[in-house]
Amino acid sequence: MRIISGSNKGKKLIMPNDKTTRPLRDMAKESIFNILTHAKYINFHIKDCKVLDLFSGIGSFGLECISRGSKFVFFLENYAPVLKILKINISNLKYENKSKVMEIDAFKINNNTFEDNQKFQIIFCDPPYREKKIELLIEKIIKIDVLERNGIIIIHRKKGDIDTYPKKFKVVDTKNYGLSTFVFGRKSN
């Protein structure tokens, strides 16, 4: 597991010994960034954006964003064994000033979780595969209004999972990569 591109290209990330955590694989991560960078229907630039990384794990996605020029990443993680590794990875890459770790369950975010009027251009959601309440989480994200008007939500799911999403969430694209599916979406107007 490593940083694929940007200022810390090639730097290795510490992995958990714990097998309950499923870090985002390099190939899947690279595919996501290729879609964000090159897909004309998404028309998105990672540079200078603010990112919310839900269910962060070791921070693979958010750290990649910072390496590629994102302004700031909020990492949300509440699993103690992996939280330590996330903090070490941030420190090893010297990203303490470009990130904040919040020890909170993603389903418990509310209007008081973030600073006043905090908005994100990217929200990355990588819940445990067994998690079935994705629609509720997307509804909450829309309700507390933390996604920028032209922002995007990326949801990492197990291939073959069928989730429902609120009507206010517009699926832009769904891509399958081996065992994983990524859903790219935005708020509908």
Protein backbone atom coordinates (compact mmCIF):
# COMPACT_ATOMS: atom_id res chain seq x y z
CA MET A 1 0.00 0.00 0.00
CA ARG A 2 1.51 3.31 -1.10
CA ILE A 3 0.84 6.84 -2.27
CA ILE A 4 0.41 6.58 -6.05
CA SER A 5 1.00 10.14 -7.24
CA GLY A 6 1.81 13.68 -6.20
CA SER A 7 4.23 15.16 -3.68
CA ASN A 8 4.67 11.90 -1.74
CA LYS A 9 4.52 9.49 -4.68
CA GLY A 10 5.85 6.05 -3.76
CA LYS A 11 5.76 6.54 0.02
CA LYS A 12 4.53 3.43 1.80
CA LEU A 13 1.63 3.45 4.21
CA ILE A 14 1.59 1.39 7.37
CA MET A 15 -0.94 -1.42 7.18
CA PRO A 16 -2.96 -2.90 10.04
CA ASN A 17 -2.27 -6.41 11.32
CA ASP A 18 -5.99 -6.59 12.01
CA LYS A 19 -7.83 -8.30 9.14
CA THR A 20 -11.18 -6.64 9.95
CA THR A 21 -10.00 -3.48 8.19
CA ARG A 22 -10.12 -3.43 4.39
CA PRO A 23 -7.74 -0.73 3.10
CA LEU A 24 -8.45 0.69 -0.34
CA ARG A 25 -6.25 -1.16 -2.83
CA ASP A 26 -3.82 0.82 -4.96
CA MET A 27 -5.40 -0.33 -8.24
CA ALA A 28 -8.89 0.72 -7.12
CA LYS A 29 -7.57 4.03 -5.79
CA GLU A 30 -5.77 4.74 -9.05
CA SER A 31 -8.96 4.01 -11.00
CA ILE A 32 -10.95 6.46 -8.88
CA PHE A 33 -8.42 9.23 -9.45
CA ASN A 34 -8.31 8.50 -13.18
CA ILE A 35 -12.09 8.91 -13.33
CA LEU A 36 -11.99 12.13 -11.29
CA THR A 37 -9.20 13.54 -13.44
CA HIS A 38 -10.20 12.42 -16.93
CA ALA A 39 -13.95 11.73 -17.10
CA LYS A 40 -15.56 14.65 -18.92
CA TYR A 41 -18.99 13.99 -17.40
CA ILE A 42 -17.57 14.50 -13.89
CA ASN A 43 -15.32 17.49 -14.73
CA PHE A 44 -13.53 17.58 -11.38
CA HIS A 45 -10.18 18.92 -10.12
CA ILE A 46 -8.64 17.50 -6.96
CA LYS A 47 -6.24 20.42 -6.46
CA ASP A 48 -7.14 22.80 -3.62
CA CYS A 49 -10.33 20.98 -2.67
CA LYS A 50 -11.51 20.00 0.82
CA VAL A 51 -12.17 16.31 1.39
CA LEU A 52 -14.24 14.41 3.94
CA ASP A 53 -12.98 10.82 4.28
CA LEU A 54 -15.64 8.76 6.09
CA PHE A 55 -14.65 5.38 7.55
CA SER A 56 -11.03 6.46 6.89
CA GLY A 57 -9.22 3.34 8.03
CA ILE A 58 -5.49 3.90 7.50
CA GLY A 59 -6.22 7.02 5.44
CA SER A 60 -5.29 5.68 2.01
CA PHE A 61 -7.80 7.80 0.06
CA GLY A 62 -7.47 11.06 1.99
CA LEU A 63 -3.66 10.89 2.09
CA GLU A 64 -3.62 10.35 -1.67
CA CYS A 65 -5.81 13.46 -2.04
CA ILE A 66 -3.35 15.58 -0.04
CA SER A 67 -0.40 14.24 -2.04
CA ARG A 68 -2.23 15.28 -5.23
CA GLY A 69 -2.80 18.83 -3.98
CA SER A 70 -6.00 18.86 -1.93
CA LYS A 71 -6.15 21.73 0.53
CA PHE A 72 -7.40 19.81 3.59
CA VAL A 73 -8.80 16.40 4.58
CA PHE A 74 -11.07 15.59 7.52
CA PHE A 75 -10.62 11.92 8.46
CA LEU A 76 -13.48 10.26 10.37
CA GLU A 77 -12.63 6.95 12.02
CA ASN A 78 -13.72 5.38 15.29
CA TYR A 79 -12.05 1.94 15.28
CA ALA A 80 -9.24 2.36 17.85
CA PRO A 81 -6.66 -0.13 16.47
CA VAL A 82 -6.75 1.44 13.00
CA LEU A 83 -7.01 5.00 14.35
CA LYS A 84 -3.45 4.73 15.71
CA ILE A 85 -2.17 3.66 12.29
CA LEU A 86 -4.04 6.52 10.58
CA LYS A 87 -2.34 9.03 12.89
CA ILE A 88 1.09 7.46 12.25
CA ASN A 89 0.54 7.58 8.47
CA ILE A 90 -0.42 11.26 8.68
CA SER A 91 2.66 11.99 10.79
CA ASN A 92 5.03 10.00 8.54
CA LEU A 93 3.86 12.03 5.54
CA LYS A 94 4.03 15.29 7.54
CA TYR A 95 0.37 16.10 6.80
CA GLU A 96 -0.65 17.22 10.30
CA ASN A 97 -1.28 20.80 9.06
CA LYS A 98 -3.37 19.59 6.12
CA SER A 99 -5.63 17.21 8.00
CA LYS A 100 -7.77 16.65 11.05
CA VAL A 101 -8.66 13.28 12.56
CA MET A 102 -12.06 13.05 14.19
CA GLU A 103 -12.79 10.02 16.35
CA ILE A 104 -16.46 9.69 15.52
CA ASP A 105 -18.86 7.19 13.97
CA ALA A 106 -19.75 8.51 10.51
CA PHE A 107 -23.44 7.88 11.21
CA LYS A 108 -23.30 10.33 14.12
CA ILE A 109 -22.24 13.38 12.13
CA ASN A 110 -24.52 16.38 12.53
CA ASN A 111 -24.58 20.15 12.13
CA ASN A 112 -22.13 20.53 15.05
CA THR A 113 -19.53 18.06 13.78
CA PHE A 114 -17.78 20.53 11.49
CA GLU A 115 -16.97 24.22 11.68
CA ASP A 116 -19.68 26.70 10.66
CA ASN A 117 -20.64 26.38 7.01
CA GLN A 118 -17.91 23.78 6.35
CA LYS A 119 -18.34 22.35 2.84
CA PHE A 120 -16.48 19.59 1.02
CA GLN A 121 -15.85 19.13 -2.69
CA ILE A 122 -15.30 15.37 -2.21
CA ILE A 123 -16.89 13.06 0.32
CA PHE A 124 -15.42 9.57 0.21
CA CYS A 125 -17.49 6.89 1.91
CA ASP A 126 -15.86 3.49 2.42
CA PRO A 127 -18.00 1.70 5.02
CA PRO A 128 -17.62 -1.93 6.05
CA TYR A 129 -19.10 -4.13 3.33
CA ARG A 130 -21.72 -5.48 5.73
CA GLU A 131 -23.07 -1.94 6.33
CA LYS A 132 -26.56 -1.61 4.87
CA LYS A 133 -27.57 1.92 5.99
CA ILE A 134 -25.83 3.82 3.18
CA GLU A 135 -29.05 5.58 2.14
CA LEU A 136 -29.42 6.98 5.67
CA LEU A 137 -25.85 8.26 5.65
CA ILE A 138 -26.30 9.98 2.26
CA GLU A 139 -29.55 11.52 3.50
CA LYS A 140 -27.73 12.84 6.56
CA ILE A 141 -24.92 14.30 4.42
CA ILE A 142 -27.51 16.10 2.29
CA LYS A 143 -29.50 17.25 5.35
CA ILE A 144 -26.55 18.80 7.17
CA ASP A 145 -25.49 20.37 3.85
CA VAL A 146 -21.74 19.66 3.90
CA LEU A 147 -21.35 18.83 0.20
CA GLU A 148 -20.41 21.73 -2.09
CA ARG A 149 -22.89 22.52 -4.85
CA ASN A 150 -20.70 20.87 -7.51
CA GLY A 151 -19.14 18.38 -5.10
CA ILE A 152 -19.10 14.63 -5.49
CA ILE A 153 -19.69 11.69 -3.18
CA ILE A 154 -17.79 8.47 -3.90
CA ILE A 155 -19.12 5.30 -2.27
CA HIS A 156 -17.05 2.11 -2.13
CA ARG A 157 -19.22 -1.01 -2.08
CA LYS A 158 -18.78 -4.74 -2.56
CA LYS A 159 -19.39 -5.83 -6.14
CA GLY A 160 -22.95 -7.00 -6.52
CA ASP A 161 -24.31 -5.02 -3.56
CA ILE A 162 -27.49 -3.22 -4.44
CA ASP A 163 -28.00 -0.06 -2.43
CA THR A 164 -30.78 2.45 -2.68
CA TYR A 165 -30.01 6.14 -2.54
CA PRO A 166 -32.19 9.12 -1.69
CA LYS A 167 -33.86 10.91 -4.59
CA LYS A 168 -31.75 13.99 -3.83
CA PHE A 169 -28.66 11.96 -4.74
CA LYS A 170 -27.93 11.70 -8.46
CA VAL A 171 -25.78 8.71 -9.46
CA VAL A 172 -23.27 10.03 -12.00
CA ASP A 173 -21.49 6.75 -12.69
CA THR A 174 -20.96 3.26 -11.31
CA LYS A 175 -17.69 1.48 -12.00
CA ASN A 176 -16.82 -2.11 -11.13
CA TYR A 177 -13.22 -3.08 -10.34
CA GLY A 178 -12.88 -6.75 -9.55
CA LEU A 179 -14.46 -7.23 -6.14
CA SER A 180 -15.34 -3.55 -5.66
CA THR A 181 -17.93 -1.15 -6.99
CA PHE A 182 -17.61 2.63 -6.82
CA VAL A 183 -20.65 4.85 -7.08
CA PHE A 184 -20.00 8.46 -8.06
CA GLY A 185 -22.82 10.87 -7.30
CA ARG A 186 -23.88 14.45 -6.60
CA LYS A 187 -26.76 16.23 -4.94
CA SER A 188 -29.64 16.71 -7.33
CA ASN A 189 -30.86 20.27 -7.66
